[in-house]
Amino acid sequence: QVQLVESGGGLVQPGGSLRLSCGVSGRISSISLMAWYRQTPGTQREWVASIAPSGTTNYVDSVMGRFSISRDNTKNTVYLEMSSLKPEDTASYYCKAVMLGGRSSWGQGTQVTVSS
């Protein structure tokens, strides 16, 4: 199992930027994929971006060119750099770790609000 703790959310104006962090602890060597998801009240959790152990990244079309997922293995941290934020990016953002055996772990989430 791994434990995930997100941070970095907050209130930002449209067009602004934020960097979310996901601290990872536990059986890090068993992680096959790290990802960020987001969710608004009454909707299903939406995949936003993922990064494979090889460094390969993927993004949902709506954030392509605006968001960037990365990781710092020395700090056991995964980041989501968000720029050109829009009101529709407002959501709770969650970090997810997919383990080699297929199980997943989730963080508690961090709120991002984009509003003037």
N, C-alpha and C. Protein backbone atom coordinates (compact mmCIF):
# COMPACT_ATOMS: atom_id res chain seq x y z
N GLN A 1 0.82 -1.19 0.00
CA GLN A 1 0.00 0.00 0.00
C GLN A 1 0.87 1.25 0.00
N VAL A 2 0.32 2.32 -0.54
CA VAL A 2 0.98 3.61 -0.49
C VAL A 2 0.01 4.62 0.10
N GLN A 3 0.59 5.68 0.63
CA GLN A 3 -0.20 6.79 1.17
C GLN A 3 0.09 8.01 0.32
N LEU A 4 -0.96 8.74 0.01
CA LEU A 4 -0.85 9.91 -0.86
C LEU A 4 -1.44 11.12 -0.15
N VAL A 5 -0.72 12.23 -0.21
CA VAL A 5 -1.20 13.47 0.40
C VAL A 5 -1.06 14.60 -0.61
N GLU A 6 -2.21 15.17 -1.02
CA GLU A 6 -2.21 16.28 -1.97
C GLU A 6 -2.12 17.61 -1.24
N SER A 7 -1.57 18.59 -1.93
CA SER A 7 -1.52 19.95 -1.41
C SER A 7 -1.38 20.91 -2.59
N GLY A 8 -1.57 22.18 -2.30
CA GLY A 8 -1.35 23.20 -3.33
C GLY A 8 -2.60 23.80 -3.92
N GLY A 9 -3.77 23.30 -3.54
CA GLY A 9 -5.00 23.86 -4.06
C GLY A 9 -5.27 25.24 -3.49
N GLY A 10 -6.28 25.91 -4.06
CA GLY A 10 -6.64 27.23 -3.57
C GLY A 10 -7.52 27.97 -4.54
N LEU A 11 -7.66 29.26 -4.29
CA LEU A 11 -8.46 30.13 -5.14
C LEU A 11 -7.53 30.90 -6.08
N VAL A 12 -7.86 30.87 -7.36
CA VAL A 12 -7.04 31.57 -8.35
C VAL A 12 -7.96 32.21 -9.37
N GLN A 13 -7.52 33.33 -9.92
CA GLN A 13 -8.31 34.01 -10.94
C GLN A 13 -8.17 33.31 -12.29
N PRO A 14 -9.17 33.46 -13.14
CA PRO A 14 -9.06 32.89 -14.50
C PRO A 14 -7.79 33.39 -15.17
N GLY A 15 -7.12 32.47 -15.85
CA GLY A 15 -5.84 32.78 -16.49
C GLY A 15 -4.65 32.56 -15.59
N GLY A 16 -4.89 32.31 -14.32
CA GLY A 16 -3.79 32.12 -13.38
C GLY A 16 -3.22 30.72 -13.38
N SER A 17 -2.30 30.49 -12.45
CA SER A 17 -1.60 29.21 -12.37
C SER A 17 -1.58 28.69 -10.95
N LEU A 18 -1.48 27.37 -10.85
CA LEU A 18 -1.30 26.70 -9.57
C LEU A 18 -0.46 25.46 -9.80
N ARG A 19 0.24 25.05 -8.75
CA ARG A 19 0.96 23.79 -8.79
C ARG A 19 0.47 22.91 -7.66
N LEU A 20 -0.07 21.77 -8.02
CA LEU A 20 -0.50 20.78 -7.04
C LEU A 20 0.64 19.78 -6.79
N SER A 21 0.73 19.33 -5.55
CA SER A 21 1.74 18.34 -5.19
C SER A 21 1.06 17.12 -4.59
N CYS A 22 1.65 15.98 -4.82
CA CYS A 22 1.16 14.72 -4.25
C CYS A 22 2.36 14.00 -3.63
N GLY A 23 2.43 14.02 -2.30
CA GLY A 23 3.49 13.32 -1.60
C GLY A 23 3.16 11.85 -1.47
N VAL A 24 4.13 11.01 -1.79
CA VAL A 24 3.92 9.56 -1.82
C VAL A 24 4.79 8.89 -0.76
N SER A 25 4.22 7.98 0.00
CA SER A 25 4.98 7.19 0.96
C SER A 25 4.47 5.76 0.95
N GLY A 26 5.25 4.86 1.50
CA GLY A 26 4.87 3.46 1.53
C GLY A 26 5.63 2.65 0.49
N ARG A 27 4.96 1.69 -0.13
CA ARG A 27 5.59 0.77 -1.08
C ARG A 27 5.72 1.41 -2.46
N ILE A 28 6.57 2.40 -2.53
CA ILE A 28 6.72 3.19 -3.76
C ILE A 28 7.19 2.33 -4.91
N SER A 29 8.01 1.35 -4.64
CA SER A 29 8.55 0.50 -5.71
C SER A 29 7.48 -0.34 -6.39
N SER A 30 6.30 -0.44 -5.78
CA SER A 30 5.20 -1.22 -6.36
C SER A 30 4.26 -0.40 -7.22
N ILE A 31 4.57 0.88 -7.41
CA ILE A 31 3.70 1.76 -8.18
C ILE A 31 3.99 1.60 -9.67
N SER A 32 2.94 1.41 -10.46
CA SER A 32 3.12 1.30 -11.92
C SER A 32 2.74 2.58 -12.64
N LEU A 33 1.87 3.38 -12.04
CA LEU A 33 1.39 4.59 -12.72
C LEU A 33 0.92 5.56 -11.67
N MET A 34 1.16 6.86 -11.92
CA MET A 34 0.61 7.91 -11.08
C MET A 34 -0.31 8.78 -11.93
N ALA A 35 -1.39 9.24 -11.33
CA ALA A 35 -2.34 10.02 -12.10
C ALA A 35 -3.01 11.08 -11.24
N TRP A 36 -3.55 12.08 -11.91
CA TRP A 36 -4.39 13.10 -11.28
C TRP A 36 -5.80 12.98 -11.86
N TYR A 37 -6.77 13.07 -10.99
CA TYR A 37 -8.18 13.10 -11.35
C TYR A 37 -8.80 14.34 -10.74
N ARG A 38 -10.00 14.68 -11.19
CA ARG A 38 -10.74 15.78 -10.59
C ARG A 38 -12.22 15.44 -10.57
N GLN A 39 -12.91 16.11 -9.65
CA GLN A 39 -14.33 15.82 -9.47
C GLN A 39 -15.05 17.05 -8.98
N THR A 40 -16.22 17.30 -9.56
CA THR A 40 -17.12 18.35 -9.08
C THR A 40 -18.35 17.67 -8.48
N PRO A 41 -19.04 18.37 -7.59
CA PRO A 41 -20.20 17.76 -6.92
C PRO A 41 -21.22 17.23 -7.92
N GLY A 42 -21.67 16.00 -7.69
CA GLY A 42 -22.70 15.41 -8.53
C GLY A 42 -22.20 14.80 -9.82
N THR A 43 -20.87 14.79 -10.02
CA THR A 43 -20.33 14.21 -11.25
C THR A 43 -19.36 13.09 -10.91
N GLN A 44 -19.03 12.29 -11.92
CA GLN A 44 -18.04 11.23 -11.72
C GLN A 44 -16.63 11.82 -11.74
N ARG A 45 -15.75 11.15 -11.05
CA ARG A 45 -14.36 11.58 -11.05
C ARG A 45 -13.78 11.43 -12.46
N GLU A 46 -13.10 12.48 -12.90
CA GLU A 46 -12.58 12.55 -14.27
C GLU A 46 -11.06 12.44 -14.26
N TRP A 47 -10.53 11.57 -15.11
CA TRP A 47 -9.09 11.47 -15.27
C TRP A 47 -8.57 12.74 -15.94
N VAL A 48 -7.46 13.28 -15.44
CA VAL A 48 -6.89 14.51 -15.97
C VAL A 48 -5.55 14.25 -16.65
N ALA A 49 -4.66 13.53 -15.95
CA ALA A 49 -3.31 13.31 -16.49
C ALA A 49 -2.70 12.12 -15.79
N SER A 50 -1.73 11.51 -16.45
CA SER A 50 -1.02 10.38 -15.85
C SER A 50 0.42 10.38 -16.32
N ILE A 51 1.27 9.74 -15.50
CA ILE A 51 2.67 9.61 -15.83
C ILE A 51 3.12 8.19 -15.50
N ALA A 52 3.75 7.55 -16.47
CA ALA A 52 4.22 6.19 -16.31
C ALA A 52 5.64 6.18 -15.75
N PRO A 53 6.09 5.03 -15.24
CA PRO A 53 7.47 4.97 -14.74
C PRO A 53 8.50 5.37 -15.80
N SER A 54 8.18 5.17 -17.07
CA SER A 54 9.08 5.55 -18.15
C SER A 54 9.16 7.06 -18.34
N GLY A 55 8.19 7.77 -17.73
CA GLY A 55 8.10 9.21 -17.91
C GLY A 55 7.07 9.62 -18.95
N THR A 56 6.50 8.66 -19.63
CA THR A 56 5.45 8.96 -20.61
C THR A 56 4.25 9.60 -19.92
N THR A 57 3.78 10.70 -20.49
CA THR A 57 2.64 11.42 -19.92
C THR A 57 1.47 11.42 -20.89
N ASN A 58 0.29 11.49 -20.32
CA ASN A 58 -0.94 11.59 -21.10
C ASN A 58 -1.89 12.56 -20.42
N TYR A 59 -2.73 13.22 -21.23
CA TYR A 59 -3.63 14.24 -20.71
C TYR A 59 -5.00 14.13 -21.37
N VAL A 60 -6.01 14.51 -20.61
CA VAL A 60 -7.32 14.66 -21.21
C VAL A 60 -7.28 15.87 -22.13
N ASP A 61 -8.05 15.82 -23.20
CA ASP A 61 -7.97 16.87 -24.22
C ASP A 61 -8.20 18.27 -23.65
N SER A 62 -9.06 18.38 -22.67
CA SER A 62 -9.46 19.70 -22.16
C SER A 62 -8.32 20.42 -21.43
N VAL A 63 -7.28 19.72 -21.05
CA VAL A 63 -6.17 20.36 -20.34
C VAL A 63 -4.88 20.33 -21.14
N MET A 64 -4.91 19.70 -22.30
CA MET A 64 -3.71 19.58 -23.14
C MET A 64 -3.13 20.97 -23.42
N GLY A 65 -1.84 21.10 -23.19
CA GLY A 65 -1.17 22.38 -23.44
C GLY A 65 -1.25 23.36 -22.29
N ARG A 66 -2.09 23.05 -21.30
CA ARG A 66 -2.23 23.96 -20.14
C ARG A 66 -1.72 23.32 -18.85
N PHE A 67 -1.84 22.02 -18.74
CA PHE A 67 -1.42 21.29 -17.54
C PHE A 67 -0.20 20.44 -17.86
N SER A 68 0.61 20.23 -16.84
CA SER A 68 1.78 19.38 -17.01
C SER A 68 1.99 18.53 -15.77
N ILE A 69 2.07 17.21 -15.96
CA ILE A 69 2.32 16.30 -14.85
C ILE A 69 3.80 15.92 -14.85
N SER A 70 4.37 15.87 -13.67
CA SER A 70 5.77 15.51 -13.56
C SER A 70 6.00 14.84 -12.21
N ARG A 71 7.18 14.30 -12.02
CA ARG A 71 7.49 13.67 -10.74
C ARG A 71 8.94 13.96 -10.38
N ASP A 72 9.18 14.00 -9.08
CA ASP A 72 10.53 14.15 -8.55
C ASP A 72 10.77 12.93 -7.67
N ASN A 73 11.52 11.98 -8.19
CA ASN A 73 11.74 10.73 -7.45
C ASN A 73 12.56 10.93 -6.19
N THR A 74 13.36 11.99 -6.16
CA THR A 74 14.17 12.25 -4.96
C THR A 74 13.30 12.74 -3.81
N LYS A 75 12.16 13.32 -4.15
CA LYS A 75 11.24 13.84 -3.13
C LYS A 75 9.99 12.99 -3.00
N ASN A 76 9.90 11.90 -3.80
CA ASN A 76 8.70 11.05 -3.79
C ASN A 76 7.44 11.89 -3.95
N THR A 77 7.47 12.77 -4.94
CA THR A 77 6.37 13.70 -5.14
C THR A 77 6.00 13.76 -6.62
N VAL A 78 4.71 13.82 -6.87
CA VAL A 78 4.19 14.01 -8.22
C VAL A 78 3.51 15.38 -8.25
N TYR A 79 3.72 16.10 -9.33
CA TYR A 79 3.19 17.46 -9.44
C TYR A 79 2.19 17.56 -10.60
N LEU A 80 1.31 18.52 -10.47
CA LEU A 80 0.45 18.90 -11.58
C LEU A 80 0.53 20.42 -11.69
N GLU A 81 1.26 20.87 -12.70
CA GLU A 81 1.38 22.29 -12.98
C GLU A 81 0.19 22.71 -13.84
N MET A 82 -0.56 23.67 -13.37
CA MET A 82 -1.76 24.10 -14.09
C MET A 82 -1.62 25.58 -14.45
N SER A 83 -1.81 25.90 -15.70
CA SER A 83 -1.73 27.29 -16.14
C SER A 83 -2.93 27.61 -17.02
N SER A 84 -3.10 28.88 -17.31
CA SER A 84 -4.25 29.35 -18.10
C SER A 84 -5.54 28.74 -17.56
N LEU A 85 -5.68 28.80 -16.26
CA LEU A 85 -6.82 28.15 -15.62
C LEU A 85 -8.14 28.81 -16.01
N LYS A 86 -9.16 27.97 -16.12
CA LYS A 86 -10.50 28.41 -16.50
C LYS A 86 -11.48 28.07 -15.38
N PRO A 87 -12.60 28.77 -15.31
CA PRO A 87 -13.59 28.45 -14.28
C PRO A 87 -14.01 26.97 -14.33
N GLU A 88 -14.03 26.38 -15.50
CA GLU A 88 -14.43 24.97 -15.61
C GLU A 88 -13.38 24.00 -15.08
N ASP A 89 -12.20 24.52 -14.71
CA ASP A 89 -11.20 23.69 -14.04
C ASP A 89 -11.47 23.57 -12.55
N THR A 90 -12.43 24.34 -12.05
CA THR A 90 -12.78 24.26 -10.63
C THR A 90 -13.25 22.85 -10.28
N ALA A 91 -12.60 22.27 -9.27
CA ALA A 91 -12.91 20.90 -8.87
C ALA A 91 -12.05 20.52 -7.67
N SER A 92 -12.37 19.39 -7.08
CA SER A 92 -11.45 18.76 -6.14
C SER A 92 -10.53 17.88 -6.96
N TYR A 93 -9.23 18.02 -6.72
CA TYR A 93 -8.24 17.27 -7.47
C TYR A 93 -7.66 16.17 -6.59
N TYR A 94 -7.59 14.97 -7.17
CA TYR A 94 -7.14 13.79 -6.43
C TYR A 94 -5.95 13.15 -7.12
N CYS A 95 -5.03 12.68 -6.31
CA CYS A 95 -3.88 11.93 -6.78
C CYS A 95 -4.19 10.44 -6.64
N LYS A 96 -3.76 9.67 -7.63
CA LYS A 96 -4.00 8.22 -7.62
C LYS A 96 -2.72 7.48 -7.96
N ALA A 97 -2.47 6.41 -7.22
CA ALA A 97 -1.36 5.52 -7.51
C ALA A 97 -1.91 4.15 -7.91
N VAL A 98 -1.51 3.67 -9.07
CA VAL A 98 -1.91 2.34 -9.51
C VAL A 98 -0.75 1.40 -9.25
N MET A 99 -1.04 0.34 -8.51
CA MET A 99 0.01 -0.59 -8.11
C MET A 99 0.22 -1.66 -9.18
N LEU A 100 1.34 -2.34 -9.11
CA LEU A 100 1.67 -3.38 -10.07
C LEU A 100 0.64 -4.50 -10.08
N GLY A 101 0.02 -4.78 -8.93
CA GLY A 101 -0.98 -5.83 -8.88
C GLY A 101 -2.36 -5.39 -9.31
N GLY A 102 -2.50 -4.09 -9.66
CA GLY A 102 -3.79 -3.59 -10.14
C GLY A 102 -4.56 -2.77 -9.13
N ARG A 103 -4.20 -2.88 -7.85
CA ARG A 103 -4.91 -2.08 -6.86
C ARG A 103 -4.53 -0.61 -7.00
N SER A 104 -5.40 0.24 -6.44
CA SER A 104 -5.16 1.67 -6.50
C SER A 104 -5.27 2.29 -5.12
N SER A 105 -4.54 3.37 -4.94
CA SER A 105 -4.65 4.18 -3.73
C SER A 105 -4.95 5.61 -4.13
N TRP A 106 -5.75 6.28 -3.29
CA TRP A 106 -6.16 7.66 -3.56
C TRP A 106 -5.75 8.55 -2.40
N GLY A 107 -5.49 9.81 -2.74
CA GLY A 107 -5.30 10.81 -1.71
C GLY A 107 -6.65 11.38 -1.29
N GLN A 108 -6.59 12.35 -0.38
CA GLN A 108 -7.82 12.91 0.18
C GLN A 108 -8.38 14.04 -0.66
N GLY A 109 -7.59 14.54 -1.60
CA GLY A 109 -8.05 15.59 -2.49
C GLY A 109 -7.65 16.98 -2.03
N THR A 110 -7.57 17.89 -2.99
CA THR A 110 -7.32 19.30 -2.71
C THR A 110 -8.20 20.13 -3.63
N GLN A 111 -8.80 21.17 -3.08
CA GLN A 111 -9.78 21.96 -3.83
C GLN A 111 -9.10 23.05 -4.64
N VAL A 112 -9.50 23.14 -5.89
CA VAL A 112 -9.06 24.21 -6.78
C VAL A 112 -10.29 24.99 -7.21
N THR A 113 -10.28 26.28 -6.97
CA THR A 113 -11.38 27.14 -7.37
C THR A 113 -10.85 28.24 -8.27
N VAL A 114 -11.40 28.32 -9.47
CA VAL A 114 -10.99 29.35 -10.44
C VAL A 114 -12.14 30.34 -10.57
N SER A 115 -11.94 31.53 -10.06
CA SER A 115 -13.02 32.51 -10.03
C SER A 115 -12.44 33.90 -9.87
N SER A 116 -13.13 34.87 -10.47
CA SER A 116 -12.71 36.25 -10.30
C SER A 116 -13.47 36.90 -9.15
